């Protein structure tokens, strides 16, 4: 693994946001969900696609706080323009488990 400097790390803007809307994404090549995540004030609501259908359904995501990279350029995924990268780690089977704070924090808070 290549090492990076602290200056490189500071370029990645990772924030907490609350999922306000989630729905199936049947057009995706692999099972996925469309997410709308509210980061509050200056960032607002951003949209993403996430392959998280093994552990999550749209109903279980509403109100959940997640961590996401908010300063990547938008990326077209089929008919969806993904504006953020929601962060997760693989479980023992390689399926994504979302990262988020273990208690409620203000939306838009920057990881440090």
N, C-alpha and C. Protein backbone atom coordinates (compact mmCIF):
# COMPACT_ATOMS: atom_id res chain seq x y z
N UNK A 1 0.84 -1.17 0.00
CA UNK A 1 0.00 0.00 0.00
C UNK A 1 0.90 1.24 0.00
N UNK A 2 0.55 2.18 -0.86
CA UNK A 2 1.33 3.40 -0.95
C UNK A 2 1.01 4.33 0.22
N UNK A 3 2.04 4.94 0.77
CA UNK A 3 1.84 5.91 1.84
C UNK A 3 1.43 7.25 1.24
N UNK A 4 0.63 8.01 2.00
CA UNK A 4 0.28 9.36 1.60
C UNK A 4 0.67 10.30 2.72
N UNK A 5 0.81 11.56 2.38
CA UNK A 5 1.12 12.56 3.39
C UNK A 5 -0.15 13.13 3.99
N UNK A 6 -0.01 13.82 5.09
CA UNK A 6 -1.16 14.42 5.75
C UNK A 6 -1.87 15.41 4.83
N UNK A 7 -1.10 16.12 3.99
CA UNK A 7 -1.70 17.05 3.03
C UNK A 7 -2.65 16.33 2.08
N UNK A 8 -2.29 15.11 1.67
CA UNK A 8 -3.17 14.31 0.81
C UNK A 8 -4.46 13.96 1.53
N UNK A 9 -4.35 13.54 2.78
CA UNK A 9 -5.51 13.19 3.58
C UNK A 9 -6.46 14.38 3.73
N UNK A 10 -5.89 15.57 3.93
CA UNK A 10 -6.72 16.76 4.12
C UNK A 10 -7.53 17.12 2.89
N UNK A 11 -7.15 16.63 1.72
CA UNK A 11 -7.89 16.91 0.49
C UNK A 11 -9.20 16.14 0.42
N UNK A 12 -9.32 15.05 1.15
CA UNK A 12 -10.53 14.23 1.12
C UNK A 12 -11.51 14.79 2.15
N UNK A 13 -12.66 15.25 1.66
CA UNK A 13 -13.67 15.85 2.54
C UNK A 13 -14.71 14.78 2.90
N UNK A 14 -14.59 14.22 4.10
CA UNK A 14 -15.50 13.18 4.58
C UNK A 14 -16.43 13.81 5.61
N UNK A 15 -17.72 13.71 5.36
CA UNK A 15 -18.73 14.35 6.22
C UNK A 15 -19.80 13.35 6.64
N UNK A 16 -20.52 13.70 7.68
CA UNK A 16 -21.66 12.92 8.13
C UNK A 16 -22.94 13.55 7.59
N UNK A 17 -23.85 12.69 7.17
CA UNK A 17 -25.14 13.16 6.69
C UNK A 17 -26.22 12.16 7.05
N UNK A 18 -27.47 12.58 6.95
CA UNK A 18 -28.61 11.74 7.28
C UNK A 18 -29.34 11.34 6.01
N UNK A 19 -29.60 10.05 5.87
CA UNK A 19 -30.36 9.56 4.71
C UNK A 19 -31.80 10.05 4.86
N UNK A 20 -32.26 10.82 3.88
CA UNK A 20 -33.62 11.37 3.92
C UNK A 20 -34.56 10.63 2.97
N UNK A 21 -33.97 9.94 2.01
CA UNK A 21 -34.77 9.20 1.03
C UNK A 21 -33.93 8.05 0.51
N UNK A 22 -34.56 6.92 0.28
CA UNK A 22 -33.87 5.75 -0.28
C UNK A 22 -34.89 4.96 -1.08
N UNK A 23 -34.44 4.46 -2.22
CA UNK A 23 -35.34 3.66 -3.05
C UNK A 23 -34.55 2.65 -3.87
N UNK A 24 -35.22 1.59 -4.32
CA UNK A 24 -34.53 0.59 -5.14
C UNK A 24 -33.99 1.23 -6.42
N UNK A 25 -32.96 0.63 -6.96
CA UNK A 25 -32.33 1.08 -8.20
C UNK A 25 -32.33 -0.11 -9.17
N UNK A 26 -33.50 -0.46 -9.72
CA UNK A 26 -33.60 -1.65 -10.56
C UNK A 26 -32.80 -1.59 -11.85
N UNK A 27 -32.45 -0.39 -12.31
CA UNK A 27 -31.68 -0.25 -13.54
C UNK A 27 -30.20 -0.58 -13.37
N UNK A 28 -29.73 -0.67 -12.14
CA UNK A 28 -28.31 -0.93 -11.87
C UNK A 28 -27.93 -2.35 -12.32
N UNK A 29 -26.70 -2.51 -12.77
CA UNK A 29 -26.21 -3.84 -13.18
C UNK A 29 -26.15 -4.81 -12.02
N UNK A 30 -25.72 -4.32 -10.86
CA UNK A 30 -25.68 -5.12 -9.63
C UNK A 30 -26.70 -4.53 -8.67
N UNK A 31 -27.33 -5.34 -7.82
CA UNK A 31 -28.35 -4.81 -6.91
C UNK A 31 -27.84 -3.60 -6.13
N UNK A 32 -28.62 -2.53 -6.16
CA UNK A 32 -28.20 -1.28 -5.52
C UNK A 32 -29.43 -0.49 -5.06
N UNK A 33 -29.15 0.53 -4.27
CA UNK A 33 -30.17 1.45 -3.81
C UNK A 33 -29.75 2.87 -4.18
N UNK A 34 -30.74 3.72 -4.45
CA UNK A 34 -30.48 5.16 -4.64
C UNK A 34 -30.69 5.82 -3.28
N UNK A 35 -29.77 6.68 -2.91
CA UNK A 35 -29.82 7.36 -1.62
C UNK A 35 -29.77 8.87 -1.80
N UNK A 36 -30.53 9.57 -0.96
CA UNK A 36 -30.44 11.01 -0.84
C UNK A 36 -29.98 11.29 0.58
N UNK A 37 -28.85 11.97 0.71
CA UNK A 37 -28.24 12.19 2.02
C UNK A 37 -28.14 13.70 2.27
N UNK A 38 -28.66 14.13 3.42
CA UNK A 38 -28.65 15.55 3.78
C UNK A 38 -27.44 15.85 4.66
N UNK A 39 -26.57 16.73 4.15
CA UNK A 39 -25.37 17.15 4.88
C UNK A 39 -25.55 18.52 5.52
N UNK A 40 -26.76 19.05 5.49
CA UNK A 40 -27.03 20.34 6.13
C UNK A 40 -26.51 21.50 5.32
N UNK A 41 -26.65 22.68 5.89
CA UNK A 41 -26.22 23.98 5.39
C UNK A 41 -25.54 24.10 4.06
N UNK A 42 -24.23 24.24 4.07
CA UNK A 42 -23.48 24.57 2.85
C UNK A 42 -23.49 23.48 1.79
N UNK A 43 -23.66 22.23 2.16
CA UNK A 43 -23.61 21.13 1.19
C UNK A 43 -25.01 20.72 0.74
N UNK A 44 -25.94 20.65 1.66
CA UNK A 44 -27.31 20.28 1.33
C UNK A 44 -27.49 18.79 1.06
N UNK A 45 -28.48 18.46 0.26
CA UNK A 45 -28.80 17.06 -0.04
C UNK A 45 -28.03 16.64 -1.29
N UNK A 46 -27.38 15.50 -1.19
CA UNK A 46 -26.64 14.92 -2.32
C UNK A 46 -27.14 13.50 -2.57
N UNK A 47 -27.05 13.08 -3.81
CA UNK A 47 -27.57 11.78 -4.24
C UNK A 47 -26.43 10.80 -4.50
N UNK A 48 -26.71 9.52 -4.26
CA UNK A 48 -25.71 8.48 -4.51
C UNK A 48 -26.39 7.17 -4.85
N UNK A 49 -25.61 6.26 -5.38
CA UNK A 49 -26.03 4.88 -5.60
C UNK A 49 -25.09 4.01 -4.78
N UNK A 50 -25.66 3.02 -4.12
CA UNK A 50 -24.82 2.17 -3.27
C UNK A 50 -25.26 0.71 -3.36
N UNK A 51 -24.29 -0.18 -3.50
CA UNK A 51 -24.56 -1.62 -3.55
C UNK A 51 -24.58 -2.17 -2.13
N UNK A 52 -25.69 -1.91 -1.45
CA UNK A 52 -25.80 -2.23 -0.02
C UNK A 52 -27.07 -3.04 0.28
N UNK A 53 -27.60 -3.73 -0.73
CA UNK A 53 -28.92 -4.38 -0.58
C UNK A 53 -28.91 -5.62 0.30
N UNK A 54 -27.76 -6.19 0.60
CA UNK A 54 -27.71 -7.38 1.45
C UNK A 54 -28.09 -7.04 2.89
N UNK A 55 -27.56 -5.94 3.41
CA UNK A 55 -27.79 -5.58 4.80
C UNK A 55 -28.85 -4.49 5.02
N UNK A 56 -29.26 -3.80 3.93
CA UNK A 56 -30.13 -2.65 4.10
C UNK A 56 -31.28 -2.66 3.09
N UNK A 57 -32.39 -2.12 3.53
CA UNK A 57 -33.53 -1.87 2.64
C UNK A 57 -33.82 -0.38 2.73
N UNK A 58 -34.56 0.17 1.77
CA UNK A 58 -34.85 1.61 1.84
C UNK A 58 -35.45 2.03 3.18
N UNK A 59 -36.35 1.22 3.71
CA UNK A 59 -37.03 1.57 4.96
C UNK A 59 -36.06 1.65 6.15
N UNK A 60 -35.04 0.82 6.16
CA UNK A 60 -34.11 0.80 7.30
C UNK A 60 -33.08 1.92 7.24
N UNK A 61 -32.98 2.58 6.10
CA UNK A 61 -31.96 3.62 5.92
C UNK A 61 -32.45 5.03 6.26
N UNK A 62 -33.74 5.27 6.17
CA UNK A 62 -34.27 6.61 6.43
C UNK A 62 -33.94 7.02 7.86
N UNK A 63 -33.31 8.18 8.02
CA UNK A 63 -32.93 8.68 9.33
C UNK A 63 -31.57 8.22 9.82
N UNK A 64 -30.95 7.30 9.10
CA UNK A 64 -29.64 6.79 9.50
C UNK A 64 -28.55 7.77 9.09
N UNK A 65 -27.60 8.01 9.98
CA UNK A 65 -26.46 8.86 9.64
C UNK A 65 -25.35 8.00 9.04
N UNK A 66 -24.76 8.51 7.96
CA UNK A 66 -23.70 7.79 7.26
C UNK A 66 -22.53 8.75 7.01
N UNK A 67 -21.38 8.17 6.76
CA UNK A 67 -20.20 8.94 6.39
C UNK A 67 -20.03 8.84 4.88
N UNK A 68 -19.60 9.95 4.26
CA UNK A 68 -19.44 9.96 2.81
C UNK A 68 -18.37 10.96 2.40
N UNK A 69 -17.71 10.67 1.29
CA UNK A 69 -16.79 11.62 0.66
C UNK A 69 -17.67 12.55 -0.17
N UNK A 70 -17.57 13.86 0.09
CA UNK A 70 -18.44 14.82 -0.58
C UNK A 70 -17.74 15.67 -1.64
N UNK A 71 -16.43 15.48 -1.83
CA UNK A 71 -15.73 16.32 -2.80
C UNK A 71 -15.16 15.57 -4.00
N UNK A 72 -15.73 14.41 -4.32
CA UNK A 72 -15.41 13.76 -5.59
C UNK A 72 -16.27 14.41 -6.67
N UNK A 73 -15.80 14.42 -7.91
CA UNK A 73 -16.67 14.93 -8.98
C UNK A 73 -17.84 13.97 -9.18
N UNK A 74 -19.01 14.48 -9.62
CA UNK A 74 -20.16 13.61 -9.87
C UNK A 74 -19.80 12.53 -10.89
N UNK A 75 -20.46 11.37 -10.73
CA UNK A 75 -20.19 10.24 -11.60
C UNK A 75 -21.51 9.65 -12.07
N UNK A 76 -21.65 9.46 -13.36
CA UNK A 76 -22.88 8.92 -13.92
C UNK A 76 -22.89 7.40 -13.76
N UNK A 77 -23.92 6.89 -13.09
CA UNK A 77 -24.09 5.44 -12.91
C UNK A 77 -25.45 5.09 -13.50
N UNK A 78 -25.45 4.67 -14.76
CA UNK A 78 -26.72 4.45 -15.45
C UNK A 78 -27.47 5.77 -15.50
N UNK A 79 -28.75 5.75 -15.11
CA UNK A 79 -29.54 6.99 -15.14
C UNK A 79 -29.34 7.89 -13.91
N UNK A 80 -28.49 7.48 -12.99
CA UNK A 80 -28.29 8.23 -11.75
C UNK A 80 -26.94 8.95 -11.75
N UNK A 81 -26.95 10.22 -11.38
CA UNK A 81 -25.70 10.96 -11.20
C UNK A 81 -25.34 10.87 -9.72
N UNK A 82 -24.29 10.13 -9.42
CA UNK A 82 -23.84 9.96 -8.03
C UNK A 82 -22.94 11.13 -7.67
N UNK A 83 -23.32 11.85 -6.60
CA UNK A 83 -22.61 13.06 -6.21
C UNK A 83 -21.70 12.86 -5.00
N UNK A 84 -21.83 11.73 -4.32
CA UNK A 84 -21.03 11.43 -3.13
C UNK A 84 -20.63 9.96 -3.15
N UNK A 85 -19.66 9.61 -2.33
CA UNK A 85 -19.28 8.21 -2.14
C UNK A 85 -19.58 7.86 -0.68
N UNK A 86 -20.65 7.08 -0.49
CA UNK A 86 -21.02 6.63 0.85
C UNK A 86 -20.00 5.57 1.26
N UNK A 87 -19.51 5.65 2.51
CA UNK A 87 -18.42 4.78 2.96
C UNK A 87 -18.93 3.57 3.74
N UNK A 88 -18.25 2.44 3.53
CA UNK A 88 -18.57 1.22 4.25
C UNK A 88 -17.35 0.32 4.28
N UNK A 89 -17.49 -0.77 5.01
CA UNK A 89 -16.44 -1.78 5.09
C UNK A 89 -17.08 -3.14 4.81
N UNK A 90 -16.29 -4.11 4.31
CA UNK A 90 -16.87 -5.41 4.00
C UNK A 90 -17.05 -6.27 5.25
N UNK A 91 -18.16 -7.02 5.26
CA UNK A 91 -18.34 -8.02 6.31
C UNK A 91 -17.54 -9.27 5.93
N UNK A 92 -17.73 -10.36 6.65
CA UNK A 92 -16.95 -11.58 6.39
C UNK A 92 -17.23 -12.19 5.01
N UNK A 93 -18.35 -11.77 4.37
CA UNK A 93 -18.68 -12.26 3.03
C UNK A 93 -18.42 -11.23 1.94
N UNK A 94 -17.83 -10.11 2.32
CA UNK A 94 -17.51 -9.07 1.35
C UNK A 94 -18.66 -8.10 1.08
N UNK A 95 -19.75 -8.20 1.83
CA UNK A 95 -20.89 -7.31 1.64
C UNK A 95 -20.70 -6.04 2.47
N UNK A 96 -21.15 -4.92 1.94
CA UNK A 96 -20.89 -3.62 2.55
C UNK A 96 -21.72 -3.39 3.81
N UNK A 97 -21.02 -2.94 4.87
CA UNK A 97 -21.63 -2.46 6.11
C UNK A 97 -21.28 -0.98 6.18
N UNK A 98 -22.29 -0.14 6.27
CA UNK A 98 -22.08 1.31 6.25
C UNK A 98 -21.34 1.83 7.48
N UNK A 99 -20.56 2.88 7.26
CA UNK A 99 -19.89 3.57 8.36
C UNK A 99 -20.72 4.78 8.78
N UNK A 100 -20.80 5.00 10.08
CA UNK A 100 -21.52 6.15 10.60
C UNK A 100 -21.18 6.34 12.06
N UNK A 101 -21.54 7.51 12.61
CA UNK A 101 -21.26 7.77 14.02
C UNK A 101 -22.10 6.85 14.91
N UNK A 102 -21.61 6.58 16.12
CA UNK A 102 -22.36 5.70 17.03
C UNK A 102 -23.33 6.48 17.90
N UNK A 103 -23.40 7.80 17.70
CA UNK A 103 -24.43 8.61 18.34
C UNK A 103 -24.77 9.76 17.41
N UNK A 104 -25.93 10.35 17.59
CA UNK A 104 -26.39 11.44 16.72
C UNK A 104 -25.45 12.64 16.82
N UNK A 105 -25.05 13.14 15.64
CA UNK A 105 -24.19 14.33 15.56
C UNK A 105 -24.79 15.27 14.51
N UNK A 106 -24.40 16.54 14.50
CA UNK A 106 -24.94 17.47 13.51
C UNK A 106 -24.55 17.06 12.09
N UNK A 107 -25.52 17.10 11.17
CA UNK A 107 -25.23 16.82 9.77
C UNK A 107 -24.22 17.82 9.23
N UNK A 108 -23.34 17.33 8.38
CA UNK A 108 -22.32 18.18 7.78
C UNK A 108 -21.00 18.17 8.54
N UNK A 109 -20.98 17.53 9.71
CA UNK A 109 -19.75 17.48 10.48
C UNK A 109 -18.65 16.78 9.69
N UNK A 110 -17.47 17.37 9.71
CA UNK A 110 -16.34 16.86 8.94
C UNK A 110 -15.51 15.92 9.80
N UNK A 111 -15.16 14.78 9.20
CA UNK A 111 -14.31 13.81 9.90
C UNK A 111 -12.93 14.42 10.11
N UNK A 112 -12.37 14.19 11.30
CA UNK A 112 -10.99 14.61 11.57
C UNK A 112 -10.39 13.72 12.62
